[in-house]
Amino acid sequence: MSHLISPYGGKLKPLLLRGDSLREAIEKAHTLAKIQMTSRERDDLIMMGIGAFSPLDGFMGKRDWKGVCDEMRMADGTFWPIPITLSVDKEIAHSLKEGHEIALLDKETNELMGIMTIEERYEIDKGYECKQVFKTDDPRHPGVAKVMAQGEVNLGGPVKVISEGEYNKRFKGIYATPEETRRLFQERGWESIAALQLRNPMHRSHEYIAKIALELCDGLFIHQLLGRLKEDDLPSEVRIKCVEVLVDHYFPKDRVIQKGYPLEMRYGGPREALLHAIFRQNYGATHLIVGRDHAGVGNYYGPYEAQEIFDQIPSDTLLIKPLKIDWTFYCYKCKGMASYKTCPHPEEGHLKLSGSVLRKKLASGESIPEEFSRPEVLQILTDYYQTRDPKLI
C-alpha cells in the first residue's frame, strides 16, 4: 500500500491518449480545424497530458479565468493560482463554433499535440490578468510580455492530449511524469520528499538548502524546469550536467533523484510558487523548498513574498508544505555556508554573486571563488560561457 502523499484533488488525471484511443484521435485530427499553440500553451497542454496539472481537464473558460485572477479559485471552488488558457486571434475565433472540436498544433514544429472541444469563446482584460497574477503590467516582465502578446480571444474546453512533444526524447532519463516519480519514490520507500525547484545552475547556496532538506526528509527530489526561459538563462542541458556532477561528488546518491518537467517559466513569483507546489504534490513530493525570491525576476516581488503567500491561503488548501529557507551565502567569518537566520556577521563578510555578474566573470575567464560554487560546476559553466557571444551574456 502506498504511503505517498495524495495527488492534488485526490487522484492523478492524465489526459494523454494511448493505444486505440490515440490512433483514433490522430486520424480524427486530420479532419478538424487546426489551431497553433505558443510554447507556453503547448507546455501547459503537456502538463495536463501527463497529469501534472491534475485535476484540470482542459483550458479554462471565462468563469474559471476570472475566479483564478480574482481569488485563486476556479468556478467549482478548486484552488488554482494562475490561469491556464489558450488564445487565438479574433479572426480565427469567429471561424470556430462552440461544441466543435479542433486540432492543437505546436506553432514551432507543427506537430499535432492534442484535440480540444470548444465549450466557450471569450475575451479578457489582459492587463487585469497581469496585475492580478504578476502584480504588474510592465511589459519588461517576461510573463507579462507573454500574456500581452497572446490572441484577443480565449478558447475554453476539455482536451485530449496526443503528444509529449520532444521532451521525452530530448531529455531521456531526466524528463518524467508524476506516475513515474511516484513509482521511484515508492520503490525507495520514501515517505517525506523535498522538491527543489531549479531553473539556475546549482551553486553552493542551492546545495546548502538541499542538504538542510535532506536532514528533514527521506529523499531529495531535484526537479528541473525543462521548458523555455528568458534569453539570458542557462539552457536545460547545461544545468542538468551541473546537477549531475554535483550529485556525483557531494550527495548520497541513494537519497537524491533528479528529474525534469515540461513547463515554460512564467516568472510569476508568489503565485507561481503555489503552482509549483500543486504540481509537485502531483509528482509525489511532500515539501517544496521555497527560498529567497522563488520564481521571481527583477525587482517585481519582495524577497520573501513567495514564502508568505503560503500563509495567506487556507491551511487545508494543499497537502504539500513549504520548507521556507532564508537567503543563504558563504560567510568568511563563520567559515561556512550560512543564512541571515544563523549568521551574526555583517554583510561585507558574505559572499554573494548575482547571476549577471557571474555570467560576465565566467565569459571573461575570471576566477570564481570556490566558496560560491564547486569547481566541477564552474568548469562546466566556464566551458559553456566562453563559447557564447559576449553580446548575448
Protein backbone atom coordinates (compact mmCIF):
# COMPACT_ATOMS: atom_id res chain seq x y z
CA MET A 1 0.00 0.00 0.00
CA SER A 2 1.39 3.40 -0.98
CA HIS A 3 2.40 5.78 1.78
CA LEU A 4 2.93 8.65 -0.66
CA ILE A 5 1.09 11.94 -0.44
CA SER A 6 -2.22 12.02 -2.36
CA PRO A 7 -2.25 13.89 -5.66
CA TYR A 8 -3.87 17.32 -5.71
CA GLY A 9 -7.62 16.76 -5.93
CA GLY A 10 -7.31 13.16 -4.75
CA LYS A 11 -6.09 11.35 -7.86
CA LEU A 12 -3.96 11.87 -10.94
CA LYS A 13 -5.91 12.71 -14.10
CA PRO A 14 -3.51 12.16 -17.01
CA LEU A 15 -5.12 13.16 -20.31
CA LEU A 16 -2.52 11.57 -22.61
CA LEU A 17 -4.14 9.10 -25.00
CA ARG A 18 -2.76 5.60 -25.54
CA GLY A 19 -3.39 2.65 -27.85
CA ASP A 20 -6.57 2.63 -29.94
CA SER A 21 -7.77 5.94 -28.47
CA LEU A 22 -4.54 7.60 -29.63
CA ARG A 23 -4.74 6.17 -33.14
CA GLU A 24 -8.39 7.21 -33.49
CA ALA A 25 -7.64 10.74 -32.26
CA ILE A 26 -4.76 11.18 -34.71
CA GLU A 27 -6.96 10.03 -37.58
CA LYS A 28 -9.78 12.32 -36.49
CA ALA A 29 -7.46 15.33 -36.07
CA HIS A 30 -6.76 15.35 -39.81
CA THR A 31 -10.41 16.32 -40.40
CA LEU A 32 -10.51 19.16 -37.84
CA ALA A 33 -9.73 22.86 -37.93
CA LYS A 34 -6.17 23.39 -36.77
CA ILE A 35 -5.00 25.87 -34.13
CA GLN A 36 -1.34 26.63 -33.48
CA MET A 37 -0.27 26.95 -29.85
CA THR A 38 2.52 29.04 -28.36
CA SER A 39 5.28 27.29 -26.44
CA ARG A 40 3.58 28.23 -23.15
CA GLU A 41 0.23 26.78 -24.25
CA ARG A 42 1.92 23.65 -25.60
CA ASP A 43 3.70 23.04 -22.31
CA ASP A 44 0.52 23.62 -20.31
CA LEU A 45 -1.18 21.03 -22.54
CA ILE A 46 1.62 18.53 -21.93
CA MET A 47 1.41 19.11 -18.17
CA MET A 48 -2.31 18.28 -18.36
CA GLY A 49 -1.48 15.28 -20.52
CA ILE A 50 0.89 13.69 -18.00
CA GLY A 51 -1.34 14.50 -15.02
CA ALA A 52 0.99 17.13 -13.55
CA PHE A 53 -1.82 19.71 -13.70
CA SER A 54 -4.40 17.37 -12.13
CA PRO A 55 -7.30 17.89 -11.64
CA LEU A 56 -7.52 20.20 -14.72
CA ASP A 57 -9.17 18.62 -17.75
CA GLY A 58 -8.67 21.43 -20.24
CA PHE A 59 -8.10 25.11 -20.89
CA MET A 60 -10.10 27.43 -18.63
CA GLY A 61 -13.37 29.12 -19.52
CA LYS A 62 -14.20 32.69 -18.52
CA ARG A 63 -15.65 31.95 -15.07
CA ASP A 64 -12.57 29.88 -14.21
CA TRP A 65 -10.27 32.57 -15.61
CA LYS A 66 -11.96 35.31 -13.60
CA GLY A 67 -12.11 33.24 -10.41
CA VAL A 68 -8.42 32.38 -10.66
CA CYS A 69 -7.46 36.01 -11.32
CA ASP A 70 -9.64 37.37 -8.51
CA GLU A 71 -9.46 34.76 -5.76
CA MET A 72 -7.25 31.91 -7.00
CA ARG A 73 -10.40 29.76 -7.21
CA MET A 74 -12.00 28.12 -10.23
CA ALA A 75 -15.76 28.26 -10.68
CA ASP A 76 -16.21 24.90 -8.91
CA GLY A 77 -14.15 26.08 -5.93
CA THR A 78 -10.92 24.32 -6.87
CA PHE A 79 -7.92 26.33 -5.72
CA TRP A 80 -5.66 27.32 -8.64
CA PRO A 81 -3.24 30.30 -8.66
CA ILE A 82 -2.54 31.03 -12.36
CA PRO A 83 -4.89 30.95 -15.38
CA ILE A 84 -4.26 28.09 -17.81
CA THR A 85 -5.62 29.41 -21.09
CA LEU A 86 -5.49 29.02 -24.86
CA SER A 87 -5.89 32.07 -27.08
CA VAL A 88 -6.43 32.84 -30.77
CA ASP A 89 -6.86 35.96 -32.87
CA LYS A 90 -10.38 37.33 -33.33
CA GLU A 91 -10.49 36.34 -36.99
CA ILE A 92 -9.73 32.71 -36.14
CA ALA A 93 -12.16 32.73 -33.21
CA HIS A 94 -15.01 33.86 -35.46
CA SER A 95 -14.37 30.88 -37.74
CA LEU A 96 -14.78 28.39 -34.87
CA LYS A 97 -18.02 27.12 -33.36
CA GLU A 98 -18.76 26.18 -29.78
CA GLY A 99 -19.34 22.45 -29.41
CA HIS A 100 -16.92 21.64 -32.23
CA GLU A 101 -13.51 20.01 -31.86
CA ILE A 102 -10.22 21.49 -33.05
CA ALA A 103 -6.76 20.03 -33.52
CA LEU A 104 -3.99 21.64 -31.45
CA LEU A 105 -0.57 22.00 -33.11
CA ASP A 106 2.80 23.16 -31.82
CA LYS A 107 3.40 26.50 -33.55
CA GLU A 108 7.16 25.91 -33.72
CA THR A 109 7.22 22.36 -35.12
CA ASN A 110 3.66 21.97 -36.48
CA GLU A 111 3.43 18.70 -34.55
CA LEU A 112 -0.07 17.52 -33.64
CA MET A 113 -0.32 17.81 -29.85
CA GLY A 114 -3.97 17.28 -28.97
CA ILE A 115 -7.67 17.77 -29.59
CA MET A 116 -9.92 20.27 -27.81
CA THR A 117 -13.70 20.58 -27.64
CA ILE A 118 -14.62 24.27 -27.71
CA GLU A 119 -17.10 24.98 -24.94
CA GLU A 120 -16.54 28.71 -24.82
CA ARG A 121 -15.03 31.67 -26.65
CA TYR A 122 -14.40 34.81 -24.62
CA GLU A 123 -12.37 38.00 -24.49
CA ILE A 124 -10.43 39.07 -21.40
CA ASP A 125 -8.71 42.12 -19.96
CA LYS A 126 -5.10 41.04 -20.37
CA GLY A 127 -3.78 43.94 -18.32
CA TYR A 128 -6.05 42.95 -15.46
CA GLU A 129 -4.80 39.35 -15.59
CA CYS A 130 -1.20 40.58 -15.44
CA LYS A 131 -1.81 42.85 -12.47
CA GLN A 132 -3.57 40.09 -10.56
CA VAL A 133 -1.13 37.29 -11.37
CA PHE A 134 2.21 39.09 -11.77
CA LYS A 135 1.40 42.17 -9.66
CA THR A 136 2.46 44.34 -12.60
CA ASP A 137 1.55 45.10 -16.21
CA ASP A 138 5.09 46.21 -17.04
CA PRO A 139 5.87 44.73 -20.49
CA ARG A 140 9.50 44.23 -19.44
CA HIS A 141 8.30 41.44 -17.15
CA PRO A 142 8.66 38.25 -19.28
CA GLY A 143 5.40 36.74 -18.01
CA VAL A 144 3.50 39.95 -18.74
CA ALA A 145 5.01 40.12 -22.22
CA LYS A 146 3.70 36.62 -22.95
CA VAL A 147 0.16 37.42 -21.82
CA MET A 148 0.03 40.73 -23.69
CA ALA A 149 1.24 39.03 -26.90
CA GLN A 150 -1.43 36.32 -26.87
CA GLY A 151 -4.54 36.41 -29.04
CA GLU A 152 -7.59 38.53 -28.23
CA VAL A 153 -9.95 35.59 -27.66
CA ASN A 154 -9.56 32.68 -25.24
CA LEU A 155 -10.94 29.23 -26.02
CA GLY A 156 -12.15 27.13 -23.10
CA GLY A 157 -12.89 23.43 -23.04
CA PRO A 158 -11.65 19.90 -22.31
CA VAL A 159 -8.66 18.42 -24.12
CA LYS A 160 -7.29 15.07 -25.20
CA VAL A 161 -3.50 15.01 -25.37
CA ILE A 162 -1.76 13.21 -28.22
CA SER A 163 1.94 14.04 -27.77
CA GLU A 164 4.52 14.99 -25.16
CA GLY A 165 6.49 16.84 -27.82
CA GLU A 166 10.24 16.44 -27.84
CA TYR A 167 10.72 16.34 -24.07
CA ASN A 168 10.79 12.57 -23.59
CA LYS A 169 13.32 12.22 -26.42
CA ARG A 170 15.48 15.30 -25.84
CA PHE A 171 15.71 14.74 -22.09
CA LYS A 172 15.66 10.95 -21.92
CA GLY A 173 16.27 9.79 -18.37
CA ILE A 174 15.55 13.25 -16.91
CA TYR A 175 12.04 14.00 -18.19
CA ALA A 176 9.47 12.20 -16.03
CA THR A 177 5.73 12.04 -15.42
CA PRO A 178 4.11 12.10 -11.98
CA GLU A 179 3.29 8.40 -12.28
CA GLU A 180 6.98 7.65 -12.91
CA THR A 181 8.35 9.70 -10.00
CA ARG A 182 5.76 8.30 -7.61
CA ARG A 183 6.85 4.81 -8.61
CA LEU A 184 10.50 5.74 -7.93
CA PHE A 185 9.67 7.20 -4.52
CA GLN A 186 7.62 4.11 -3.66
CA GLU A 187 10.45 1.76 -4.68
CA ARG A 188 12.86 3.64 -2.41
CA GLY A 189 10.46 3.61 0.49
CA TRP A 190 10.44 7.38 0.78
CA GLU A 191 7.51 8.94 2.60
CA SER A 192 8.76 12.51 3.04
CA ILE A 193 10.20 14.05 -0.11
CA ALA A 194 11.53 17.60 -0.55
CA ALA A 195 11.29 19.06 -4.06
CA LEU A 196 13.94 21.57 -5.12
CA GLN A 197 12.71 23.83 -7.92
CA LEU A 198 15.63 24.58 -10.21
CA ARG A 199 15.97 26.92 -13.19
CA ASN A 200 19.55 28.06 -12.46
CA PRO A 201 22.89 26.28 -12.04
CA MET A 202 23.18 24.52 -8.68
CA HIS A 203 25.72 26.51 -6.67
CA ARG A 204 26.77 26.18 -3.04
CA SER A 205 23.69 28.05 -1.83
CA HIS A 206 21.37 25.57 -3.60
CA GLU A 207 23.48 22.70 -2.31
CA TYR A 208 23.20 24.05 1.22
CA ILE A 209 19.42 24.38 1.24
CA ALA A 210 19.10 20.95 -0.42
CA LYS A 211 21.13 19.39 2.38
CA ILE A 212 19.02 21.16 5.00
CA ALA A 213 16.02 19.46 3.38
CA LEU A 214 17.81 16.10 3.42
CA GLU A 215 18.23 16.42 7.18
CA LEU A 216 14.44 16.65 7.46
CA CYS A 217 13.14 14.35 4.72
CA ASP A 218 13.72 10.82 3.42
CA GLY A 219 14.70 11.99 -0.03
CA LEU A 220 15.56 14.99 -2.18
CA PHE A 221 13.76 15.48 -5.48
CA ILE A 222 15.76 17.88 -7.66
CA HIS A 223 13.13 18.94 -10.19
CA GLN A 224 14.47 20.96 -13.09
CA LEU A 225 12.41 23.10 -15.40
CA LEU A 226 12.91 21.88 -18.97
CA GLY A 227 10.74 24.43 -20.77
CA ARG A 228 11.60 27.82 -22.17
CA LEU A 229 13.31 30.50 -20.09
CA LYS A 230 14.26 34.08 -20.81
CA GLU A 231 17.20 34.50 -23.18
CA ASP A 232 19.94 35.05 -20.61
CA ASP A 233 19.03 31.98 -18.53
CA LEU A 234 21.09 28.83 -18.83
CA PRO A 235 19.96 26.03 -21.21
CA SER A 236 18.49 22.95 -19.54
CA GLU A 237 21.18 20.62 -20.85
CA VAL A 238 23.93 22.64 -19.14
CA ARG A 239 22.03 22.85 -15.86
CA ILE A 240 21.45 19.10 -15.92
CA LYS A 241 25.19 18.48 -16.25
CA CYS A 242 25.85 20.81 -13.31
CA VAL A 243 23.41 18.92 -11.11
CA GLU A 244 24.74 15.52 -12.18
CA VAL A 245 28.33 16.38 -11.32
CA LEU A 246 27.29 17.92 -8.01
CA VAL A 247 25.22 14.89 -7.00
CA ASP A 248 28.03 12.52 -8.06
CA HIS A 249 30.60 14.23 -5.86
CA TYR A 250 28.74 15.82 -2.96
CA PHE A 251 25.45 14.00 -2.25
CA PRO A 252 24.47 10.49 -1.10
CA LYS A 253 23.17 9.12 -4.40
CA ASP A 254 20.58 6.82 -2.83
CA ARG A 255 18.82 9.83 -1.31
CA VAL A 256 18.61 12.06 -4.39
CA ILE A 257 16.56 11.82 -7.58
CA GLN A 258 16.99 14.35 -10.39
CA LYS A 259 14.15 14.73 -12.89
CA GLY A 260 12.67 17.46 -15.07
CA TYR A 261 9.24 18.75 -16.02
CA PRO A 262 7.92 20.19 -19.32
CA LEU A 263 6.82 23.69 -18.44
CA GLU A 264 7.67 27.21 -19.51
CA MET A 265 8.74 29.61 -16.76
CA ARG A 266 6.25 32.39 -16.11
CA TYR A 267 8.36 34.31 -13.54
CA GLY A 268 5.18 34.73 -11.51
CA GLY A 269 6.80 34.95 -8.07
CA PRO A 270 4.34 34.16 -5.24
CA ARG A 271 1.55 32.77 -7.41
CA GLU A 272 3.95 30.63 -9.40
CA ALA A 273 5.34 29.23 -6.13
CA LEU A 274 1.83 27.98 -5.38
CA LEU A 275 1.57 26.45 -8.84
CA HIS A 276 4.94 24.77 -8.25
CA ALA A 277 3.57 23.32 -5.03
CA ILE A 278 0.43 21.95 -6.70
CA PHE A 279 2.22 20.01 -9.40
CA ARG A 280 5.00 18.87 -7.03
CA GLN A 281 2.25 17.33 -4.89
CA ASN A 282 1.08 15.54 -8.03
CA TYR A 283 4.65 14.34 -8.60
CA GLY A 284 4.66 12.90 -5.07
CA ALA A 285 6.62 15.49 -3.07
CA THR A 286 5.52 16.27 0.48
CA HIS A 287 7.53 19.50 0.73
CA LEU A 288 8.60 22.27 -1.63
CA ILE A 289 11.79 24.16 -0.83
CA VAL A 290 10.93 27.86 -1.09
CA GLY A 291 13.95 30.12 -0.87
CA ARG A 292 14.53 33.78 -1.48
CA ASP A 293 12.60 35.25 -4.45
CA HIS A 294 11.27 31.88 -5.58
CA ALA A 295 10.12 32.08 -9.24
CA GLY A 296 10.86 35.80 -9.29
CA VAL A 297 12.51 38.10 -11.79
CA GLY A 298 13.96 41.59 -11.48
CA ASN A 299 12.56 43.57 -8.56
CA TYR A 300 8.89 42.83 -9.08
CA TYR A 301 8.47 40.85 -5.86
CA GLY A 302 9.72 41.15 -2.31
CA PRO A 303 12.41 38.61 -1.38
CA TYR A 304 10.07 36.52 0.78
CA GLU A 305 6.66 37.06 -0.84
CA ALA A 306 6.73 33.54 -2.29
CA GLN A 307 7.07 32.18 1.26
CA GLU A 308 4.48 34.50 2.78
CA ILE A 309 1.77 33.60 0.28
CA PHE A 310 1.58 30.07 1.73
CA ASP A 311 0.38 31.66 4.99
CA GLN A 312 -2.28 33.67 3.16
CA ILE A 313 -4.20 30.67 1.81
CA PRO A 314 -6.36 28.34 3.95
CA SER A 315 -4.17 25.82 5.76
CA ASP A 316 -6.04 22.86 4.25
CA THR A 317 -5.64 24.03 0.64
CA LEU A 318 -2.56 21.93 -0.08
CA LEU A 319 -1.19 18.74 1.45
CA ILE A 320 2.33 19.63 0.32
CA LYS A 321 4.04 22.07 2.67
CA PRO A 322 6.70 24.74 2.06
CA LEU A 323 10.18 24.46 3.52
CA LYS A 324 10.94 28.15 3.96
CA ILE A 325 14.66 28.84 3.89
CA ASP A 326 16.29 32.25 4.23
CA TRP A 327 18.84 33.81 1.86
CA THR A 328 21.96 31.64 2.02
CA PHE A 329 25.59 32.57 1.38
CA TYR A 330 29.16 31.75 2.33
CA CYS A 331 30.33 33.66 5.41
CA TYR A 332 34.09 34.17 5.73
CA LYS A 333 33.76 34.76 9.48
CA CYS A 334 31.69 31.61 10.05
CA LYS A 335 33.94 29.80 7.55
CA GLY A 336 30.98 28.02 6.05
CA MET A 337 27.55 28.31 4.45
CA ALA A 338 25.01 30.27 6.47
CA SER A 339 21.84 32.34 6.25
CA TYR A 340 20.51 35.51 7.83
CA LYS A 341 18.82 33.30 10.41
CA THR A 342 22.09 31.70 11.50
CA CYS A 343 24.87 34.20 10.79
CA PRO A 344 25.58 37.17 13.11
CA HIS A 345 28.26 38.77 10.94
CA PRO A 346 27.99 41.91 8.77
CA GLU A 347 27.30 41.61 5.06
CA GLU A 348 30.80 42.59 3.97
CA GLY A 349 31.90 39.14 5.12
CA HIS A 350 29.29 37.37 2.97
CA LEU A 351 30.00 36.02 -0.50
CA LYS A 352 27.13 36.69 -2.93
CA LEU A 353 27.21 36.99 -6.69
CA SER A 354 24.32 37.99 -8.92
CA GLY A 355 23.57 35.86 -11.95
CA SER A 356 24.55 38.64 -14.36
CA VAL A 357 27.89 39.29 -12.61
CA LEU A 358 28.63 35.56 -12.52
CA ARG A 359 27.93 35.16 -16.25
CA LYS A 360 30.24 38.05 -17.17
CA LYS A 361 33.05 36.72 -14.99
CA LEU A 362 32.77 33.24 -16.46
CA ALA A 363 32.66 34.55 -20.02
CA SER A 364 35.76 36.67 -19.49
CA GLY A 365 37.66 33.84 -17.83
CA GLU A 366 37.79 35.49 -14.40
CA SER A 367 38.13 33.16 -11.45
CA ILE A 368 35.10 32.46 -9.26
CA PRO A 369 35.66 31.77 -5.56
CA GLU A 370 35.26 28.07 -4.73
CA GLU A 371 33.16 29.15 -1.76
CA PHE A 372 30.49 30.23 -4.24
CA SER A 373 30.36 27.13 -6.42
CA ARG A 374 32.03 23.74 -6.63
CA PRO A 375 34.95 23.57 -9.10
CA GLU A 376 33.29 20.81 -11.13
CA VAL A 377 30.24 23.01 -11.66
CA LEU A 378 32.32 26.07 -12.51
CA GLN A 379 34.23 24.13 -15.14
CA ILE A 380 31.00 23.18 -16.93
CA LEU A 381 29.79 26.78 -16.80
CA THR A 382 33.12 28.20 -17.94
CA ASP A 383 33.18 25.85 -20.94
CA TYR A 384 29.69 26.98 -21.88
CA TYR A 385 30.00 30.73 -21.44
CA GLN A 386 33.37 31.02 -23.17
CA THR A 387 31.79 29.70 -26.37
CA ARG A 388 28.92 32.21 -26.19
CA ASP A 389 28.70 35.55 -27.97
CA PRO A 390 29.59 38.15 -25.27
CA LYS A 391 26.77 40.39 -26.59
CA LEU A 392 24.24 37.72 -25.56
CA ILE A 393 25.51 37.44 -21.99
